């Protein structure tokens, strides 16, 4: 038997083995691409969560500065309230309580604009002697999380 006669047999065996290699490579690539897709979706979800948390920090700090600027109306900030637009930004004759209501109104508009639907703001206070501690808490539902996410900022005046 010459070498030319043996060569076609090897070629036939090699062709079948190559087809199996291609199928295995296709399965491996499919699993890898599914892993990349899952990582991409998870990255998007975590990015959204990060944006909401950063926004909550900024908005809670904004309300803390409003309370700090209107210490005379501090008690009017406590609780959960939609507030009312007293237009205190242009009217210098607002009382501290009216300014607090106006701050609540403007702050709630910002919360509805920048945080997801269902955000619940709450402000509590604790007094100890001459010091008053305000706790500003924001709670909102997070997609895919069993419990709502919350952020609390405490300030002392």
Protein backbone atom coordinates (compact mmCIF):
# COMPACT_ATOMS: atom_id res chain seq x y z
CA UNK A 1 0.00 0.00 0.00
CA UNK A 2 1.34 3.37 -0.96
CA UNK A 3 1.17 6.50 1.09
CA UNK A 4 -1.37 8.11 -1.25
CA UNK A 5 -3.89 5.37 -0.47
CA UNK A 6 -3.61 5.93 3.32
CA UNK A 7 -3.97 9.69 3.11
CA UNK A 8 -7.70 9.80 2.18
CA UNK A 9 -8.54 7.65 5.22
CA UNK A 10 -6.81 10.10 7.56
CA UNK A 11 -8.53 12.98 5.85
CA UNK A 12 -11.92 11.34 6.39
CA UNK A 13 -11.23 10.78 10.12
CA UNK A 14 -9.87 14.33 10.52
CA UNK A 15 -12.97 15.86 8.88
CA UNK A 16 -15.29 14.23 11.43
CA UNK A 17 -13.12 15.27 14.33
CA UNK A 18 -13.04 18.87 13.06
CA UNK A 19 -16.85 19.02 13.02
CA UNK A 20 -16.96 17.96 16.69
CA UNK A 21 -14.33 20.56 17.54
CA UNK A 22 -16.40 23.26 15.84
CA UNK A 23 -19.53 22.24 17.76
CA UNK A 24 -17.67 22.24 21.07
CA UNK A 25 -16.17 25.65 20.30
CA UNK A 26 -19.64 26.97 19.43
CA UNK A 27 -21.03 25.75 22.76
CA UNK A 28 -18.12 27.31 24.67
CA UNK A 29 -18.55 30.62 22.85
CA UNK A 30 -22.31 30.58 23.47
CA UNK A 31 -21.80 30.08 27.20
CA UNK A 32 -19.21 32.86 27.21
CA UNK A 33 -21.50 35.27 25.36
CA UNK A 34 -24.35 34.50 27.77
CA UNK A 35 -22.00 35.31 30.64
CA UNK A 36 -21.07 38.63 29.03
CA UNK A 37 -24.77 39.46 28.53
CA UNK A 38 -25.55 38.71 32.18
CA UNK A 39 -22.63 40.87 33.32
CA UNK A 40 -23.82 43.71 31.07
CA UNK A 41 -27.37 43.63 32.47
CA UNK A 42 -26.09 43.43 36.05
CA UNK A 43 -23.76 46.35 35.38
CA UNK A 44 -26.67 48.44 34.13
CA UNK A 45 -28.72 47.60 37.24
CA UNK A 46 -25.87 48.47 39.59
CA UNK A 47 -25.23 51.69 37.69
CA UNK A 48 -28.87 52.73 38.17
CA UNK A 49 -28.69 51.87 41.87
CA UNK A 50 -25.51 53.93 42.20
CA UNK A 51 -27.12 56.93 40.51
CA UNK A 52 -30.16 56.74 42.81
CA UNK A 53 -27.99 56.53 45.92
CA UNK A 54 -25.85 59.46 44.83
CA UNK A 55 -28.98 61.47 44.08
CA UNK A 56 -30.43 60.60 47.49
CA UNK A 57 -27.26 61.85 49.20
CA UNK A 58 -27.39 65.12 47.26
CA UNK A 59 -31.11 65.66 47.95
CA UNK A 60 -30.82 64.80 51.66
CA UNK A 61 -27.89 67.22 51.95
CA UNK A 62 -29.98 69.86 50.19
CA UNK A 63 -32.76 69.51 52.78
CA UNK A 64 -30.19 69.52 55.60
CA UNK A 65 -28.89 72.85 54.34
CA UNK A 66 -32.43 74.21 54.09
CA UNK A 67 -33.05 73.22 57.73
CA UNK A 68 -29.71 74.71 58.77
CA UNK A 69 -30.60 78.00 57.02
CA UNK A 70 -34.06 78.14 58.67
CA UNK A 71 -33.34 77.01 62.24
CA UNK A 72 -36.24 79.07 63.59
CA UNK A 73 -38.64 76.90 61.57
CA UNK A 74 -36.93 73.62 62.47
CA UNK A 75 -40.01 72.04 64.05
CA UNK A 76 -42.00 72.67 60.86
CA UNK A 77 -39.70 70.33 58.92
CA UNK A 78 -40.47 67.31 61.10
CA UNK A 79 -42.79 64.67 59.67
CA UNK A 80 -43.83 63.76 56.19
CA UNK A 81 -45.55 66.50 54.32
CA UNK A 82 -45.94 67.65 50.78
CA UNK A 83 -45.63 71.28 51.87
CA UNK A 84 -47.08 74.11 49.92
CA UNK A 85 -45.65 76.53 47.45
CA UNK A 86 -45.47 79.74 49.48
CA UNK A 87 -43.28 81.36 46.85
CA UNK A 88 -40.86 82.26 49.62
CA UNK A 89 -38.02 82.47 47.12
CA UNK A 90 -39.32 85.86 45.98
CA UNK A 91 -41.29 86.95 49.07
CA UNK A 92 -39.01 88.09 51.93
CA UNK A 93 -42.00 88.34 54.31
CA UNK A 94 -42.47 84.57 54.83
CA UNK A 95 -42.54 83.22 58.37
CA UNK A 96 -40.12 80.41 59.28
CA UNK A 97 -43.03 77.91 59.17
CA UNK A 98 -44.07 79.14 55.70
CA UNK A 99 -40.48 78.86 54.53
CA UNK A 100 -40.37 75.28 55.84
CA UNK A 101 -43.57 74.45 53.93
CA UNK A 102 -42.10 76.00 50.80
CA UNK A 103 -38.89 74.00 51.29
CA UNK A 104 -40.91 70.78 51.65
CA UNK A 105 -42.83 71.61 48.47
CA UNK A 106 -39.71 72.29 46.41
CA UNK A 107 -37.86 69.31 47.89
CA UNK A 108 -40.75 66.91 47.14
CA UNK A 109 -40.76 68.11 43.54
CA UNK A 110 -37.05 67.31 43.32
CA UNK A 111 -37.59 63.89 44.88
CA UNK A 112 -40.30 63.03 42.35
CA UNK A 113 -38.11 64.25 39.50
CA UNK A 114 -34.84 62.53 40.35
CA UNK A 115 -35.71 59.41 42.36
CA UNK A 116 -37.91 56.49 41.33
CA UNK A 117 -41.65 56.45 41.81
CA UNK A 118 -42.57 55.50 45.36
CA UNK A 119 -39.89 57.47 47.18
CA UNK A 120 -40.91 58.17 50.79
CA UNK A 121 -39.25 61.09 52.61
CA UNK A 122 -39.32 61.40 56.38
CA UNK A 123 -37.73 63.89 58.75
CA UNK A 124 -37.56 63.26 62.50
CA UNK A 125 -35.91 65.21 65.29
CA UNK A 126 -34.53 64.48 68.73
CA UNK A 127 -33.70 67.19 71.24
CA UNK A 128 -31.05 66.88 73.90
CA UNK A 129 -30.55 70.10 75.83
CA UNK A 130 -29.79 72.91 73.43
CA UNK A 131 -28.88 70.53 70.58
CA UNK A 132 -31.42 69.17 68.13
CA UNK A 133 -30.67 66.26 65.83
CA UNK A 134 -32.60 65.98 62.57
CA UNK A 135 -32.71 62.65 60.74
CA UNK A 136 -33.55 62.97 57.06
CA UNK A 137 -34.52 59.58 55.63
CA UNK A 138 -35.30 58.71 52.02
CA UNK A 139 -36.71 55.29 51.14
CA UNK A 140 -37.45 54.06 47.63
CA UNK A 141 -38.18 50.73 45.95
CA UNK A 142 -35.32 49.18 44.02
CA UNK A 143 -35.99 46.90 41.06
CA UNK A 144 -34.89 43.37 41.88
CA UNK A 145 -34.40 44.04 45.60
CA UNK A 146 -36.76 42.38 48.09
CA UNK A 147 -36.57 45.31 50.51
CA UNK A 148 -36.71 49.04 49.75
CA UNK A 149 -33.44 50.92 49.78
CA UNK A 150 -33.02 53.80 52.20
CA UNK A 151 -30.56 56.53 53.02
CA UNK A 152 -30.50 58.50 56.27
CA UNK A 153 -28.61 61.72 56.93
CA UNK A 154 -28.33 63.11 60.47
CA UNK A 155 -27.45 66.68 61.30
CA UNK A 156 -27.13 68.46 64.65
CA UNK A 157 -28.08 72.08 65.19
